[in-house]
Amino acid sequence: MDGYGGRRHKAEQDAMIVEIGYALVSAVFVAGVVFGAVAGPALLFDLPDLLSRLLLLVGVTLAPIVFVVRVVSVMVRFRRGAQPSQPGRTSPDS
């Protein structure tokens, strides 16, 4: 079943699986870096209790937000598809 409403080709399915995997792995990495940068000082150094709790709270709040933003941005970029090699040309014969 080719065409509109048909099954996707195996290559398209594989590309989507790879892109989803890349989005998830890179989002986990970026969220971990953000959490470490924000909450790391509270975990490594002896800071006042209020500052330590504040840094941990901001880190725990910011990491999931960064995770979701990263996954969405990668998937939106993938969904746009490949750009034409020569902008302005619509068919290979032109």
N, C-alpha and C. Protein backbone atom coordinates (compact mmCIF):
# COMPACT_ATOMS: atom_id res chain seq x y z
N MET A 1 0.84 -1.18 0.00
CA MET A 1 0.00 0.00 0.00
C MET A 1 0.88 1.23 0.00
N ASP A 2 1.11 1.76 -1.15
CA ASP A 2 1.89 2.99 -1.26
C ASP A 2 0.96 4.18 -1.37
N GLY A 3 1.54 5.35 -1.23
CA GLY A 3 0.74 6.56 -1.37
C GLY A 3 0.19 7.05 -0.07
N TYR A 4 -0.79 7.89 -0.16
CA TYR A 4 -1.37 8.50 1.03
C TYR A 4 -2.17 7.49 1.82
N GLY A 5 -1.96 7.46 3.12
CA GLY A 5 -2.69 6.56 3.98
C GLY A 5 -2.14 5.15 3.99
N GLY A 6 -1.08 4.90 3.23
CA GLY A 6 -0.51 3.56 3.17
C GLY A 6 0.52 3.35 4.27
N ARG A 7 1.11 2.19 4.25
CA ARG A 7 2.14 1.88 5.23
C ARG A 7 3.42 2.62 4.89
N ARG A 8 4.17 2.90 5.92
CA ARG A 8 5.45 3.56 5.70
C ARG A 8 6.48 2.53 5.26
N HIS A 9 7.41 3.00 4.48
CA HIS A 9 8.48 2.13 4.05
C HIS A 9 9.40 1.83 5.23
N LYS A 10 10.10 0.73 5.16
CA LYS A 10 10.99 0.31 6.24
C LYS A 10 12.06 1.36 6.53
N ALA A 11 12.58 1.98 5.50
CA ALA A 11 13.61 3.01 5.70
C ALA A 11 13.05 4.20 6.48
N GLU A 12 11.81 4.58 6.19
CA GLU A 12 11.19 5.69 6.92
C GLU A 12 10.96 5.31 8.38
N GLN A 13 10.54 4.07 8.62
CA GLN A 13 10.35 3.61 10.00
C GLN A 13 11.68 3.58 10.75
N ASP A 14 12.72 3.10 10.10
CA ASP A 14 14.04 3.06 10.74
C ASP A 14 14.54 4.47 11.03
N ALA A 15 14.34 5.38 10.10
CA ALA A 15 14.78 6.76 10.32
C ALA A 15 14.03 7.39 11.48
N MET A 16 12.75 7.10 11.61
CA MET A 16 11.98 7.65 12.71
C MET A 16 12.44 7.07 14.05
N ILE A 17 12.72 5.77 14.08
CA ILE A 17 13.19 5.14 15.31
C ILE A 17 14.53 5.72 15.73
N VAL A 18 15.43 5.90 14.79
CA VAL A 18 16.73 6.49 15.09
C VAL A 18 16.57 7.91 15.60
N GLU A 19 15.70 8.68 14.98
CA GLU A 19 15.50 10.07 15.38
C GLU A 19 14.88 10.16 16.78
N ILE A 20 13.94 9.29 17.08
CA ILE A 20 13.35 9.27 18.42
C ILE A 20 14.41 8.90 19.46
N GLY A 21 15.21 7.90 19.14
CA GLY A 21 16.29 7.52 20.05
C GLY A 21 17.27 8.66 20.28
N TYR A 22 17.64 9.34 19.19
CA TYR A 22 18.55 10.48 19.32
C TYR A 22 17.92 11.58 20.16
N ALA A 23 16.65 11.85 19.94
CA ALA A 23 15.96 12.90 20.71
C ALA A 23 15.95 12.56 22.19
N LEU A 24 15.66 11.32 22.53
CA LEU A 24 15.60 10.93 23.95
C LEU A 24 16.98 10.94 24.61
N VAL A 25 17.97 10.38 23.93
CA VAL A 25 19.31 10.33 24.52
C VAL A 25 19.90 11.72 24.67
N SER A 26 19.77 12.55 23.65
CA SER A 26 20.32 13.90 23.75
C SER A 26 19.55 14.73 24.79
N ALA A 27 18.25 14.49 24.92
CA ALA A 27 17.47 15.23 25.92
C ALA A 27 17.88 14.82 27.34
N VAL A 28 18.14 13.53 27.56
CA VAL A 28 18.60 13.08 28.87
C VAL A 28 19.96 13.72 29.18
N PHE A 29 20.84 13.76 28.20
CA PHE A 29 22.15 14.36 28.41
C PHE A 29 22.05 15.84 28.74
N VAL A 30 21.29 16.58 27.95
CA VAL A 30 21.16 18.02 28.18
C VAL A 30 20.48 18.30 29.52
N ALA A 31 19.45 17.55 29.85
CA ALA A 31 18.77 17.74 31.15
C ALA A 31 19.73 17.43 32.30
N GLY A 32 20.55 16.41 32.15
CA GLY A 32 21.53 16.08 33.19
C GLY A 32 22.57 17.16 33.36
N VAL A 33 23.02 17.73 32.24
CA VAL A 33 23.99 18.82 32.32
C VAL A 33 23.38 20.04 33.00
N VAL A 34 22.15 20.37 32.64
CA VAL A 34 21.48 21.51 33.26
C VAL A 34 21.29 21.27 34.76
N PHE A 35 20.84 20.08 35.12
CA PHE A 35 20.67 19.77 36.54
C PHE A 35 22.00 19.86 37.28
N GLY A 36 23.04 19.30 36.70
CA GLY A 36 24.36 19.35 37.32
C GLY A 36 24.89 20.76 37.46
N ALA A 37 24.65 21.58 36.46
CA ALA A 37 25.13 22.97 36.52
C ALA A 37 24.39 23.78 37.57
N VAL A 38 23.10 23.53 37.71
CA VAL A 38 22.30 24.33 38.65
C VAL A 38 22.39 23.75 40.06
N ALA A 39 22.16 22.46 40.21
CA ALA A 39 22.10 21.86 41.54
C ALA A 39 23.43 21.29 42.00
N GLY A 40 24.39 21.20 41.10
CA GLY A 40 25.69 20.65 41.46
C GLY A 40 26.38 21.34 42.63
N PRO A 41 26.42 22.67 42.64
CA PRO A 41 27.05 23.34 43.78
C PRO A 41 26.40 23.00 45.12
N ALA A 42 25.09 22.81 45.11
CA ALA A 42 24.40 22.45 46.36
C ALA A 42 24.79 21.04 46.82
N LEU A 43 25.12 20.18 45.88
CA LEU A 43 25.51 18.82 46.23
C LEU A 43 26.99 18.70 46.57
N LEU A 44 27.81 19.56 46.00
CA LEU A 44 29.25 19.47 46.20
C LEU A 44 29.78 20.30 47.37
N PHE A 45 29.19 21.45 47.59
CA PHE A 45 29.71 22.38 48.58
C PHE A 45 28.78 22.49 49.78
N ASP A 46 29.33 22.92 50.88
CA ASP A 46 28.54 23.13 52.10
C ASP A 46 27.96 24.55 52.05
N LEU A 47 26.79 24.66 51.46
CA LEU A 47 26.12 25.96 51.32
C LEU A 47 25.07 26.12 52.42
N PRO A 48 24.63 27.35 52.63
CA PRO A 48 23.52 27.54 53.59
C PRO A 48 22.31 26.73 53.16
N ASP A 49 21.53 26.30 54.15
CA ASP A 49 20.40 25.40 53.90
C ASP A 49 19.41 25.97 52.90
N LEU A 50 19.07 27.24 53.03
CA LEU A 50 18.09 27.86 52.12
C LEU A 50 18.60 27.88 50.69
N LEU A 51 19.85 28.27 50.50
CA LEU A 51 20.42 28.33 49.16
C LEU A 51 20.53 26.92 48.56
N SER A 52 20.92 25.96 49.37
CA SER A 52 21.01 24.58 48.90
C SER A 52 19.66 24.05 48.43
N ARG A 53 18.63 24.28 49.22
CA ARG A 53 17.28 23.83 48.84
C ARG A 53 16.79 24.55 47.58
N LEU A 54 17.09 25.83 47.48
CA LEU A 54 16.66 26.62 46.32
C LEU A 54 17.34 26.10 45.05
N LEU A 55 18.63 25.84 45.11
CA LEU A 55 19.33 25.33 43.94
C LEU A 55 18.81 23.95 43.53
N LEU A 56 18.56 23.10 44.49
CA LEU A 56 18.00 21.78 44.18
C LEU A 56 16.60 21.89 43.57
N LEU A 57 15.79 22.77 44.12
CA LEU A 57 14.44 22.96 43.59
C LEU A 57 14.48 23.49 42.16
N VAL A 58 15.34 24.46 41.90
CA VAL A 58 15.44 25.01 40.54
C VAL A 58 15.97 23.94 39.59
N GLY A 59 16.95 23.17 40.02
CA GLY A 59 17.49 22.10 39.16
C GLY A 59 16.47 21.03 38.84
N VAL A 60 15.70 20.62 39.86
CA VAL A 60 14.68 19.59 39.66
C VAL A 60 13.53 20.12 38.81
N THR A 61 13.28 21.40 38.86
CA THR A 61 12.21 21.99 38.04
C THR A 61 12.67 22.23 36.61
N LEU A 62 13.90 22.69 36.45
CA LEU A 62 14.40 23.07 35.14
C LEU A 62 14.76 21.86 34.26
N ALA A 63 15.26 20.80 34.84
CA ALA A 63 15.71 19.64 34.06
C ALA A 63 14.58 19.01 33.23
N PRO A 64 13.39 18.75 33.79
CA PRO A 64 12.33 18.18 32.94
C PRO A 64 11.85 19.13 31.85
N ILE A 65 11.88 20.42 32.15
CA ILE A 65 11.47 21.40 31.13
C ILE A 65 12.45 21.36 29.96
N VAL A 66 13.74 21.34 30.27
CA VAL A 66 14.76 21.27 29.22
C VAL A 66 14.64 19.96 28.45
N PHE A 67 14.34 18.87 29.14
CA PHE A 67 14.15 17.57 28.49
C PHE A 67 13.03 17.64 27.45
N VAL A 68 11.89 18.16 27.83
CA VAL A 68 10.74 18.22 26.92
C VAL A 68 11.03 19.16 25.75
N VAL A 69 11.64 20.29 26.02
CA VAL A 69 11.95 21.24 24.95
C VAL A 69 12.91 20.61 23.95
N ARG A 70 13.90 19.88 24.43
CA ARG A 70 14.87 19.24 23.53
C ARG A 70 14.20 18.17 22.67
N VAL A 71 13.37 17.32 23.27
CA VAL A 71 12.70 16.27 22.50
C VAL A 71 11.80 16.89 21.43
N VAL A 72 11.03 17.89 21.81
CA VAL A 72 10.12 18.53 20.85
C VAL A 72 10.90 19.21 19.73
N SER A 73 11.99 19.90 20.06
CA SER A 73 12.74 20.60 19.01
C SER A 73 13.38 19.63 18.03
N VAL A 74 13.89 18.50 18.51
CA VAL A 74 14.49 17.51 17.61
C VAL A 74 13.41 16.88 16.73
N MET A 75 12.27 16.56 17.31
CA MET A 75 11.22 15.92 16.52
C MET A 75 10.60 16.87 15.50
N VAL A 76 10.47 18.14 15.84
CA VAL A 76 9.95 19.12 14.88
C VAL A 76 10.92 19.29 13.73
N ARG A 77 12.20 19.35 14.05
CA ARG A 77 13.21 19.49 12.99
C ARG A 77 13.20 18.27 12.08
N PHE A 78 13.01 17.07 12.65
CA PHE A 78 12.94 15.85 11.84
C PHE A 78 11.71 15.84 10.96
N ARG A 79 10.60 16.32 11.48
CA ARG A 79 9.34 16.28 10.74
C ARG A 79 9.35 17.18 9.52
N ARG A 80 10.13 18.25 9.57
CA ARG A 80 10.21 19.16 8.42
C ARG A 80 10.76 18.47 7.20
N GLY A 81 11.60 17.47 7.40
CA GLY A 81 12.14 16.71 6.29
C GLY A 81 13.38 17.36 5.72
N ALA A 82 13.90 16.73 4.70
CA ALA A 82 15.12 17.20 4.07
C ALA A 82 14.86 18.46 3.24
N GLN A 83 15.82 19.31 3.24
CA GLN A 83 15.74 20.52 2.43
C GLN A 83 16.19 20.19 1.00
N PRO A 84 15.64 20.87 0.01
CA PRO A 84 16.10 20.62 -1.36
C PRO A 84 17.56 21.03 -1.51
N SER A 85 18.28 20.31 -2.37
CA SER A 85 19.70 20.61 -2.54
C SER A 85 19.92 21.95 -3.22
N GLN A 86 18.97 22.35 -4.05
CA GLN A 86 19.06 23.64 -4.73
C GLN A 86 17.75 24.39 -4.49
N PRO A 87 17.75 25.30 -3.53
CA PRO A 87 16.51 26.02 -3.22
C PRO A 87 15.94 26.72 -4.45
N GLY A 88 14.64 26.67 -4.58
CA GLY A 88 13.97 27.31 -5.71
C GLY A 88 13.65 26.35 -6.83
N ARG A 89 14.30 25.24 -6.89
CA ARG A 89 14.05 24.25 -7.94
C ARG A 89 13.13 23.19 -7.37
N THR A 90 12.08 22.89 -8.10
CA THR A 90 11.08 21.97 -7.59
C THR A 90 11.13 20.59 -8.23
N SER A 91 11.77 20.48 -9.39
CA SER A 91 11.84 19.17 -10.01
C SER A 91 13.27 18.91 -10.46
N PRO A 92 13.67 17.65 -10.55
CA PRO A 92 15.05 17.35 -10.93
C PRO A 92 15.40 17.78 -12.35
N ASP A 93 14.39 17.98 -13.19
CA ASP A 93 14.65 18.33 -14.59
C ASP A 93 14.82 19.82 -14.81
N SER A 94 14.53 20.64 -13.81
CA SER A 94 14.60 22.08 -14.05
C SER A 94 15.99 22.63 -13.88
